[in-house]
């Protein structure tokens, strides 16, 4: 039976996942606008990896969708990538929500 406490928790999980995926998409697109080429130097690679910690869910879903359209991966592999991206977005969203509540 779904009580009011469980419904609130489900909404918080969905909101955290959505906010994490939104933060991921914003940072991924800002990085693409700022940097046109692949990183080659040491500091550029370090910055790239730091950005990918946050931008990863968006990049993962984008690459998985492209592979699925090209028939380069199975539907199971796509949905596995989607689940990983959703969990990653949830963890990122919890951080974003915690940070916004602390302000």
Protein backbone atom coordinates (compact mmCIF):
# COMPACT_ATOMS: atom_id res chain seq x y z
CA UNK A 1 0.00 0.00 0.00
CA UNK A 2 1.38 3.38 -0.95
CA UNK A 3 1.10 5.87 1.88
CA UNK A 4 1.81 9.58 1.87
CA UNK A 5 5.40 9.05 3.06
CA UNK A 6 6.22 6.68 0.23
CA UNK A 7 4.64 8.94 -2.37
CA UNK A 8 6.75 11.87 -1.14
CA UNK A 9 9.89 9.74 -1.30
CA UNK A 10 9.12 8.67 -4.88
CA UNK A 11 8.63 12.31 -5.88
CA UNK A 12 11.96 13.24 -4.26
CA UNK A 13 13.72 10.42 -6.16
CA UNK A 14 12.18 11.51 -9.47
CA UNK A 15 13.00 15.17 -8.79
CA UNK A 16 16.58 14.34 -7.81
CA UNK A 17 17.04 12.24 -10.96
CA UNK A 18 15.61 14.98 -13.16
CA UNK A 19 17.72 17.69 -11.52
CA UNK A 20 20.85 15.57 -11.88
CA UNK A 21 20.20 14.88 -15.54
CA UNK A 22 19.47 18.57 -16.11
CA UNK A 23 22.74 19.60 -14.46
CA UNK A 24 24.51 16.97 -16.55
CA UNK A 25 23.01 18.27 -19.79
CA UNK A 26 23.77 21.89 -18.99
CA UNK A 27 27.41 21.19 -18.19
CA UNK A 28 27.87 18.86 -21.18
CA UNK A 29 26.53 21.47 -23.59
CA UNK A 30 28.52 24.31 -22.02
CA UNK A 31 31.67 22.20 -22.36
CA UNK A 32 30.89 21.47 -26.02
CA UNK A 33 30.39 25.18 -26.67
CA UNK A 34 33.62 26.18 -24.91
CA UNK A 35 35.92 23.46 -26.23
CA UNK A 36 35.82 22.55 -29.90
CA UNK A 37 38.51 19.83 -30.02
CA UNK A 38 39.56 16.78 -28.06
CA UNK A 39 41.83 17.47 -25.08
CA UNK A 40 45.49 16.77 -25.83
CA UNK A 41 47.55 18.23 -22.98
CA UNK A 42 47.66 16.98 -19.39
CA UNK A 43 45.69 19.83 -17.80
CA UNK A 44 43.11 19.72 -20.60
CA UNK A 45 42.57 15.99 -20.06
CA UNK A 46 42.24 16.55 -16.31
CA UNK A 47 39.61 19.23 -16.90
CA UNK A 48 37.82 16.94 -19.37
CA UNK A 49 37.63 14.12 -16.82
CA UNK A 50 36.43 16.53 -14.12
CA UNK A 51 33.66 17.77 -16.41
CA UNK A 52 32.69 14.21 -17.38
CA UNK A 53 32.05 13.35 -13.72
CA UNK A 54 29.06 15.69 -13.91
CA UNK A 55 28.28 15.57 -17.65
CA UNK A 56 28.55 11.78 -17.85
CA UNK A 57 24.87 10.78 -17.71
CA UNK A 58 24.00 13.03 -20.63
CA UNK A 59 26.96 11.84 -22.71
CA UNK A 60 26.24 8.20 -21.86
CA UNK A 61 22.59 8.41 -22.96
CA UNK A 62 23.55 10.29 -26.12
CA UNK A 63 26.15 7.69 -27.10
CA UNK A 64 23.83 4.80 -26.25
CA UNK A 65 21.02 6.30 -28.35
CA UNK A 66 23.35 6.79 -31.31
CA UNK A 67 24.55 3.19 -31.03
CA UNK A 68 20.98 1.91 -30.84
CA UNK A 69 19.98 3.90 -33.95
CA UNK A 70 22.98 2.51 -35.84
CA UNK A 71 22.13 -1.00 -34.61
CA UNK A 72 25.60 -1.16 -33.03
CA UNK A 73 24.22 -2.35 -29.68
CA UNK A 74 21.30 -4.40 -28.46
CA UNK A 75 18.24 -3.03 -26.72
CA UNK A 76 19.41 -4.68 -23.51
CA UNK A 77 22.72 -2.81 -23.70
CA UNK A 78 20.86 0.45 -24.34
CA UNK A 79 18.57 -0.04 -21.35
CA UNK A 80 21.52 -1.03 -19.17
CA UNK A 81 23.22 2.25 -20.15
CA UNK A 82 19.96 4.09 -19.45
CA UNK A 83 19.74 2.55 -15.97
CA UNK A 84 23.36 3.46 -15.21
CA UNK A 85 22.73 7.02 -16.43
CA UNK A 86 19.56 7.26 -14.33
CA UNK A 87 21.36 6.11 -11.18
CA UNK A 88 24.27 8.45 -11.93
CA UNK A 89 21.79 11.31 -12.44
CA UNK A 90 20.08 10.43 -9.17
CA UNK A 91 23.36 10.58 -7.25
CA UNK A 92 24.28 13.84 -8.96
CA UNK A 93 20.79 15.21 -8.28
CA UNK A 94 21.07 14.42 -4.58
CA UNK A 95 24.27 16.44 -4.50
CA UNK A 96 22.61 19.33 -6.40
CA UNK A 97 19.57 19.31 -4.09
CA UNK A 98 21.72 19.12 -0.97
CA UNK A 99 23.84 22.00 -2.23
CA UNK A 100 20.78 24.10 -3.10
CA UNK A 101 19.21 23.47 0.32
CA UNK A 102 22.44 24.49 2.04
CA UNK A 103 22.37 27.90 0.36
